[in-house]
Amino acid sequence: MEYENLLKEAYNNLKEICPICGERFEVKKPEGHFEGNKTIITNFFQIASCLRRSPENIARFLFRQLATPGEISGGRLVLIKKVPSDKICEKIKQYAEEYVICANCKKPDTEIIETNGQKYLKCMACGNKKPVHDE
């Protein structure tokens, strides 16, 4: 009887399924504010940590996708333009789909490796390897 109670408790403590990848993978929503003509994302390093990618690579992707210059300053991402938070969320989700989520098994257990000058997204769960362009 104790086993069944422990099992019920374990199921109750499981995280909800994430809409991005269908697993218990959560990417924090960007939090921030506007300062004049700039957009400041204050939890940028937490987002990078969730994605398990370097903040510099994610920032480069966002700068290119949002067509704005910016910088990482004091743990925050500074975009030199006002960008709505839903647009930033959309681009972070796009980054996760291209550079984090495995195309084969849909798990986030991946890393970017380089072989012979070509970058690949390698899944640690299923072993799938997919070429990717620079972030």
N, C-alpha and C. Protein backbone atom coordinates (compact mmCIF):
# COMPACT_ATOMS: atom_id res chain seq x y z
N MET A 1 0.82 -1.20 0.00
CA MET A 1 0.00 0.00 0.00
C MET A 1 0.87 1.26 0.00
N GLU A 2 1.97 1.23 0.72
CA GLU A 2 2.85 2.40 0.78
C GLU A 2 3.44 2.71 -0.60
N TYR A 3 3.76 1.67 -1.36
CA TYR A 3 4.30 1.86 -2.71
C TYR A 3 3.32 2.64 -3.58
N GLU A 4 2.05 2.28 -3.52
CA GLU A 4 1.04 2.96 -4.33
C GLU A 4 0.89 4.42 -3.93
N ASN A 5 0.99 4.72 -2.67
CA ASN A 5 0.92 6.11 -2.20
C ASN A 5 2.13 6.91 -2.71
N LEU A 6 3.30 6.30 -2.64
CA LEU A 6 4.50 6.96 -3.14
C LEU A 6 4.40 7.19 -4.65
N LEU A 7 3.86 6.22 -5.36
CA LEU A 7 3.71 6.34 -6.81
C LEU A 7 2.73 7.47 -7.15
N LYS A 8 1.62 7.56 -6.44
CA LYS A 8 0.65 8.64 -6.66
C LYS A 8 1.30 9.99 -6.39
N GLU A 9 2.09 10.08 -5.33
CA GLU A 9 2.76 11.34 -4.99
C GLU A 9 3.76 11.73 -6.08
N ALA A 10 4.46 10.74 -6.61
CA ALA A 10 5.42 11.02 -7.69
C ALA A 10 4.70 11.54 -8.93
N TYR A 11 3.59 10.93 -9.30
CA TYR A 11 2.83 11.40 -10.47
C TYR A 11 2.29 12.81 -10.24
N ASN A 12 1.88 13.11 -9.05
CA ASN A 12 1.37 14.45 -8.74
C ASN A 12 2.45 15.51 -8.83
N ASN A 13 3.71 15.12 -8.60
CA ASN A 13 4.82 16.08 -8.62
C ASN A 13 5.45 16.26 -9.99
N LEU A 14 5.02 15.48 -10.98
CA LEU A 14 5.57 15.62 -12.34
C LEU A 14 5.18 16.96 -12.93
N LYS A 15 6.08 17.54 -13.72
CA LYS A 15 5.78 18.81 -14.40
C LYS A 15 4.82 18.55 -15.55
N GLU A 16 4.09 19.61 -15.91
CA GLU A 16 3.19 19.50 -17.05
C GLU A 16 3.99 19.39 -18.34
N ILE A 17 3.36 18.82 -19.36
CA ILE A 17 4.02 18.68 -20.65
C ILE A 17 4.17 20.05 -21.30
N CYS A 18 5.35 20.30 -21.84
CA CYS A 18 5.65 21.59 -22.46
C CYS A 18 5.12 21.63 -23.89
N PRO A 19 4.48 22.74 -24.31
CA PRO A 19 3.97 22.83 -25.67
C PRO A 19 5.06 22.94 -26.73
N ILE A 20 6.28 23.33 -26.33
CA ILE A 20 7.35 23.45 -27.33
C ILE A 20 7.79 22.09 -27.83
N CYS A 21 8.03 21.16 -26.92
CA CYS A 21 8.63 19.90 -27.36
C CYS A 21 7.88 18.67 -26.90
N GLY A 22 6.81 18.82 -26.15
CA GLY A 22 6.05 17.66 -25.72
C GLY A 22 6.69 16.91 -24.56
N GLU A 23 7.67 17.46 -23.92
CA GLU A 23 8.35 16.83 -22.79
C GLU A 23 8.32 17.77 -21.60
N ARG A 24 9.01 17.40 -20.53
CA ARG A 24 9.10 18.26 -19.35
C ARG A 24 10.25 19.24 -19.53
N PHE A 25 10.21 19.99 -20.59
CA PHE A 25 11.24 20.95 -20.97
C PHE A 25 10.60 22.33 -20.92
N GLU A 26 11.12 23.19 -20.08
CA GLU A 26 10.55 24.52 -19.95
C GLU A 26 11.58 25.58 -20.28
N VAL A 27 11.18 26.55 -21.08
CA VAL A 27 12.02 27.71 -21.35
C VAL A 27 11.33 28.88 -20.66
N LYS A 28 12.07 29.58 -19.83
CA LYS A 28 11.49 30.73 -19.14
C LYS A 28 11.05 31.78 -20.14
N LYS A 29 9.94 32.42 -19.84
CA LYS A 29 9.48 33.53 -20.67
C LYS A 29 10.39 34.73 -20.40
N PRO A 30 10.68 35.50 -21.46
CA PRO A 30 11.53 36.67 -21.24
C PRO A 30 10.84 37.69 -20.34
N GLU A 31 11.60 38.20 -19.40
CA GLU A 31 11.10 39.26 -18.52
C GLU A 31 11.97 40.49 -18.76
N GLY A 32 11.36 41.63 -18.80
CA GLY A 32 12.15 42.83 -19.03
C GLY A 32 11.30 44.07 -19.10
N HIS A 33 11.90 45.08 -19.69
CA HIS A 33 11.24 46.38 -19.77
C HIS A 33 11.89 47.21 -20.88
N PHE A 34 11.28 48.34 -21.14
CA PHE A 34 11.83 49.29 -22.10
C PHE A 34 12.56 50.39 -21.34
N GLU A 35 13.69 50.81 -21.88
CA GLU A 35 14.41 51.98 -21.37
C GLU A 35 14.64 52.88 -22.57
N GLY A 36 13.80 53.87 -22.71
CA GLY A 36 13.88 54.74 -23.88
C GLY A 36 13.57 53.94 -25.13
N ASN A 37 14.54 53.85 -26.03
CA ASN A 37 14.36 53.12 -27.28
C ASN A 37 14.92 51.69 -27.20
N LYS A 38 15.30 51.24 -26.02
CA LYS A 38 15.92 49.93 -25.85
C LYS A 38 14.97 48.96 -25.18
N THR A 39 15.17 47.67 -25.49
CA THR A 39 14.45 46.59 -24.81
C THR A 39 15.47 45.86 -23.95
N ILE A 40 15.18 45.73 -22.68
CA ILE A 40 16.08 45.06 -21.74
C ILE A 40 15.43 43.75 -21.31
N ILE A 41 16.12 42.62 -21.54
CA ILE A 41 15.64 41.32 -21.09
C ILE A 41 16.46 40.97 -19.85
N THR A 42 15.82 41.01 -18.70
CA THR A 42 16.55 40.88 -17.44
C THR A 42 16.86 39.43 -17.06
N ASN A 43 16.10 38.47 -17.55
CA ASN A 43 16.34 37.06 -17.19
C ASN A 43 16.99 36.28 -18.34
N PHE A 44 17.81 36.95 -19.13
CA PHE A 44 18.40 36.33 -20.32
C PHE A 44 19.28 35.13 -19.97
N PHE A 45 20.07 35.23 -18.89
CA PHE A 45 20.95 34.13 -18.53
C PHE A 45 20.16 32.92 -18.04
N GLN A 46 19.01 33.12 -17.43
CA GLN A 46 18.14 32.01 -17.03
C GLN A 46 17.60 31.31 -18.27
N ILE A 47 17.24 32.08 -19.29
CA ILE A 47 16.75 31.50 -20.54
C ILE A 47 17.85 30.65 -21.19
N ALA A 48 19.05 31.20 -21.24
CA ALA A 48 20.18 30.47 -21.83
C ALA A 48 20.46 29.19 -21.04
N SER A 49 20.34 29.26 -19.73
CA SER A 49 20.56 28.09 -18.89
C SER A 49 19.51 27.01 -19.17
N CYS A 50 18.26 27.41 -19.34
CA CYS A 50 17.19 26.44 -19.67
C CYS A 50 17.46 25.76 -21.00
N LEU A 51 17.95 26.54 -21.96
CA LEU A 51 18.22 26.00 -23.29
C LEU A 51 19.54 25.23 -23.35
N ARG A 52 20.38 25.40 -22.33
CA ARG A 52 21.71 24.78 -22.27
C ARG A 52 22.56 25.15 -23.48
N ARG A 53 22.53 26.43 -23.82
CA ARG A 53 23.34 26.97 -24.90
C ARG A 53 24.01 28.24 -24.39
N SER A 54 25.07 28.66 -25.07
CA SER A 54 25.78 29.85 -24.60
C SER A 54 24.94 31.11 -24.86
N PRO A 55 24.95 32.04 -23.92
CA PRO A 55 24.20 33.28 -24.11
C PRO A 55 24.63 34.03 -25.37
N GLU A 56 25.91 33.97 -25.70
CA GLU A 56 26.41 34.66 -26.90
C GLU A 56 25.76 34.11 -28.18
N ASN A 57 25.62 32.78 -28.27
CA ASN A 57 25.00 32.18 -29.46
C ASN A 57 23.52 32.55 -29.58
N ILE A 58 22.82 32.51 -28.46
CA ILE A 58 21.40 32.86 -28.47
C ILE A 58 21.23 34.34 -28.82
N ALA A 59 22.09 35.19 -28.25
CA ALA A 59 22.03 36.63 -28.53
C ALA A 59 22.27 36.90 -30.01
N ARG A 60 23.27 36.25 -30.59
CA ARG A 60 23.55 36.43 -32.02
C ARG A 60 22.34 36.06 -32.87
N PHE A 61 21.69 34.95 -32.52
CA PHE A 61 20.49 34.51 -33.23
C PHE A 61 19.39 35.56 -33.11
N LEU A 62 19.16 36.07 -31.90
CA LEU A 62 18.11 37.06 -31.69
C LEU A 62 18.41 38.36 -32.42
N PHE A 63 19.66 38.80 -32.40
CA PHE A 63 20.03 40.04 -33.11
C PHE A 63 19.71 39.89 -34.60
N ARG A 64 20.08 38.74 -35.17
CA ARG A 64 19.86 38.51 -36.60
C ARG A 64 18.36 38.39 -36.91
N GLN A 65 17.63 37.63 -36.10
CA GLN A 65 16.21 37.40 -36.36
C GLN A 65 15.35 38.63 -36.12
N LEU A 66 15.74 39.45 -35.16
CA LEU A 66 14.96 40.65 -34.84
C LEU A 66 15.47 41.88 -35.58
N ALA A 67 16.53 41.69 -36.36
CA ALA A 67 17.12 42.77 -37.18
C ALA A 67 17.44 44.00 -36.33
N THR A 68 18.13 43.76 -35.23
CA THR A 68 18.51 44.85 -34.35
C THR A 68 19.87 44.57 -33.73
N PRO A 69 20.67 45.60 -33.55
CA PRO A 69 21.92 45.40 -32.80
C PRO A 69 21.60 45.29 -31.31
N GLY A 70 22.58 44.82 -30.57
CA GLY A 70 22.39 44.70 -29.14
C GLY A 70 23.66 44.25 -28.47
N GLU A 71 23.55 44.00 -27.18
CA GLU A 71 24.71 43.55 -26.41
C GLU A 71 24.25 42.82 -25.16
N ILE A 72 25.17 42.04 -24.59
CA ILE A 72 24.94 41.43 -23.30
C ILE A 72 25.66 42.30 -22.30
N SER A 73 24.93 42.79 -21.32
CA SER A 73 25.50 43.73 -20.36
C SER A 73 24.99 43.42 -18.96
N GLY A 74 25.90 43.04 -18.09
CA GLY A 74 25.52 42.79 -16.70
C GLY A 74 24.49 41.71 -16.52
N GLY A 75 24.56 40.63 -17.29
CA GLY A 75 23.60 39.54 -17.17
C GLY A 75 22.28 39.79 -17.86
N ARG A 76 22.18 40.91 -18.57
CA ARG A 76 20.94 41.25 -19.27
C ARG A 76 21.24 41.33 -20.77
N LEU A 77 20.21 41.10 -21.56
CA LEU A 77 20.32 41.30 -23.01
C LEU A 77 19.70 42.65 -23.32
N VAL A 78 20.46 43.49 -24.01
CA VAL A 78 19.98 44.83 -24.37
C VAL A 78 19.81 44.87 -25.88
N LEU A 79 18.59 45.10 -26.34
CA LEU A 79 18.29 45.25 -27.76
C LEU A 79 18.12 46.74 -28.03
N ILE A 80 18.77 47.24 -29.08
CA ILE A 80 18.75 48.67 -29.36
C ILE A 80 17.53 49.01 -30.23
N LYS A 81 16.36 48.59 -29.76
CA LYS A 81 15.10 48.85 -30.44
C LYS A 81 13.99 48.32 -29.53
N LYS A 82 12.83 48.90 -29.60
CA LYS A 82 11.69 48.39 -28.84
C LYS A 82 11.14 47.17 -29.56
N VAL A 83 11.13 46.04 -28.86
CA VAL A 83 10.64 44.78 -29.43
C VAL A 83 9.59 44.22 -28.47
N PRO A 84 8.38 43.92 -28.96
CA PRO A 84 7.35 43.37 -28.08
C PRO A 84 7.76 42.00 -27.53
N SER A 85 7.33 41.71 -26.32
CA SER A 85 7.73 40.46 -25.68
C SER A 85 7.24 39.22 -26.42
N ASP A 86 6.06 39.30 -27.07
CA ASP A 86 5.58 38.14 -27.82
C ASP A 86 6.48 37.82 -29.01
N LYS A 87 7.07 38.83 -29.61
CA LYS A 87 8.01 38.64 -30.73
C LYS A 87 9.29 37.96 -30.22
N ILE A 88 9.77 38.39 -29.06
CA ILE A 88 10.96 37.78 -28.47
C ILE A 88 10.68 36.33 -28.10
N CYS A 89 9.51 36.05 -27.52
CA CYS A 89 9.11 34.67 -27.18
C CYS A 89 9.10 33.79 -28.42
N GLU A 90 8.53 34.32 -29.49
CA GLU A 90 8.45 33.57 -30.75
C GLU A 90 9.84 33.21 -31.26
N LYS A 91 10.78 34.15 -31.19
CA LYS A 91 12.13 33.89 -31.68
C LYS A 91 12.90 32.93 -30.78
N ILE A 92 12.66 32.98 -29.48
CA ILE A 92 13.30 32.03 -28.57
C ILE A 92 12.76 30.63 -28.83
N LYS A 93 11.46 30.53 -29.07
CA LYS A 93 10.86 29.23 -29.41
C LYS A 93 11.45 28.70 -30.71
N GLN A 94 11.62 29.59 -31.70
CA GLN A 94 12.23 29.19 -32.97
C GLN A 94 13.67 28.70 -32.75
N TYR A 95 14.43 29.39 -31.90
CA TYR A 95 15.79 28.96 -31.58
C TYR A 95 15.78 27.55 -30.98
N ALA A 96 14.86 27.33 -30.02
CA ALA A 96 14.76 26.02 -29.37
C ALA A 96 14.45 24.93 -30.40
N GLU A 97 13.54 25.20 -31.33
CA GLU A 97 13.18 24.21 -32.33
C GLU A 97 14.34 23.90 -33.28
N GLU A 98 15.14 24.90 -33.63
CA GLU A 98 16.23 24.71 -34.57
C GLU A 98 17.51 24.19 -33.93
N TYR A 99 17.82 24.65 -32.70
CA TYR A 99 19.13 24.38 -32.11
C TYR A 99 19.11 23.60 -30.80
N VAL A 100 17.93 23.20 -30.31
CA VAL A 100 17.88 22.48 -29.05
C VAL A 100 17.09 21.18 -29.17
N ILE A 101 15.91 21.21 -29.74
CA ILE A 101 15.03 20.06 -29.81
C ILE A 101 15.47 19.10 -30.92
N CYS A 102 15.58 17.81 -30.60
CA CYS A 102 15.95 16.80 -31.59
C CYS A 102 14.81 16.63 -32.60
N ALA A 103 15.15 16.65 -33.87
CA ALA A 103 14.16 16.51 -34.94
C ALA A 103 13.58 15.09 -34.97
N ASN A 104 14.32 14.12 -34.46
CA ASN A 104 13.89 12.73 -34.50
C ASN A 104 12.99 12.35 -33.32
N CYS A 105 13.50 12.53 -32.10
CA CYS A 105 12.75 12.07 -30.92
C CYS A 105 12.07 13.20 -30.15
N LYS A 106 12.32 14.45 -30.56
CA LYS A 106 11.70 15.64 -29.96
C LYS A 106 12.14 15.89 -28.52
N LYS A 107 13.28 15.38 -28.11
CA LYS A 107 13.79 15.62 -26.75
C LYS A 107 14.80 16.75 -26.79
N PRO A 108 14.96 17.45 -25.68
CA PRO A 108 15.91 18.57 -25.63
C PRO A 108 17.33 18.16 -25.23
N ASP A 109 17.60 16.87 -25.18
CA ASP A 109 18.90 16.37 -24.73
C ASP A 109 19.90 16.38 -25.89
N THR A 110 20.28 17.57 -26.33
CA THR A 110 21.16 17.70 -27.48
C THR A 110 22.36 18.58 -27.16
N GLU A 111 23.33 18.49 -28.03
CA GLU A 111 24.48 19.38 -27.97
C GLU A 111 24.89 19.70 -29.40
N ILE A 112 25.56 20.82 -29.57
CA ILE A 112 26.06 21.20 -30.89
C ILE A 112 27.52 20.80 -30.95
N ILE A 113 27.85 19.96 -31.94
CA ILE A 113 29.23 19.52 -32.12
C ILE A 113 29.71 19.96 -33.49
N GLU A 114 31.01 20.02 -33.66
CA GLU A 114 31.59 20.41 -34.95
C GLU A 114 32.49 19.28 -35.44
N THR A 115 32.27 18.85 -36.69
CA THR A 115 33.07 17.82 -37.32
C THR A 115 33.44 18.29 -38.72
N ASN A 116 34.73 18.34 -38.99
CA ASN A 116 35.23 18.77 -40.31
C ASN A 116 34.66 20.13 -40.73
N GLY A 117 34.56 21.06 -39.80
CA GLY A 117 34.08 22.40 -40.11
C GLY A 117 32.57 22.53 -40.23
N GLN A 118 31.83 21.43 -40.10
CA GLN A 118 30.37 21.45 -40.17
C GLN A 118 29.79 21.27 -38.77
N LYS A 119 28.80 22.08 -38.42
CA LYS A 119 28.15 21.96 -37.12
C LYS A 119 26.95 21.05 -37.21
N TYR A 120 26.78 20.23 -36.17
CA TYR A 120 25.68 19.27 -36.10
C TYR A 120 24.98 19.39 -34.76
N LEU A 121 23.68 19.12 -34.77
CA LEU A 121 22.91 19.00 -33.54
C LEU A 121 22.85 17.51 -33.24
N LYS A 122 23.53 17.09 -32.18
CA LYS A 122 23.59 15.66 -31.85
C LYS A 122 22.73 15.40 -30.63
N CYS A 123 21.82 14.43 -30.76
CA CYS A 123 20.92 14.05 -29.68
C CYS A 123 21.58 13.00 -28.81
N MET A 124 21.63 13.26 -27.51
CA MET A 124 22.22 12.31 -26.57
C MET A 124 21.23 11.19 -26.23
N ALA A 125 19.95 11.39 -26.51
CA ALA A 125 18.94 10.38 -26.20
C ALA A 125 18.83 9.32 -27.28
N CYS A 126 18.75 9.74 -28.55
CA CYS A 126 18.53 8.77 -29.63
C CYS A 126 19.71 8.64 -30.58
N GLY A 127 20.71 9.54 -30.48
CA GLY A 127 21.89 9.46 -31.32
C GLY A 127 21.76 10.14 -32.67
N ASN A 128 20.60 10.72 -32.96
CA ASN A 128 20.40 11.41 -34.23
C ASN A 128 21.37 12.58 -34.38
N LYS A 129 21.83 12.81 -35.60
CA LYS A 129 22.76 13.89 -35.87
C LYS A 129 22.24 14.67 -37.08
N LYS A 130 22.00 15.97 -36.91
CA LYS A 130 21.42 16.79 -37.97
C LYS A 130 22.31 18.01 -38.19
N PRO A 131 22.67 18.30 -39.47
CA PRO A 131 23.48 19.50 -39.72
C PRO A 131 22.69 20.76 -39.39
N VAL A 132 23.39 21.75 -38.83
CA VAL A 132 22.76 23.04 -38.54
C VAL A 132 23.68 24.13 -39.06
N HIS A 133 23.10 25.27 -39.42
CA HIS A 133 23.91 26.42 -39.82
C HIS A 133 24.30 27.18 -38.57
N ASP A 134 25.18 28.13 -38.71
CA ASP A 134 25.63 28.91 -37.54
C ASP A 134 24.46 29.59 -36.86
N GLU A 135 24.52 29.61 -35.55
CA GLU A 135 23.46 30.23 -34.75
C GLU A 135 23.49 31.72 -34.95
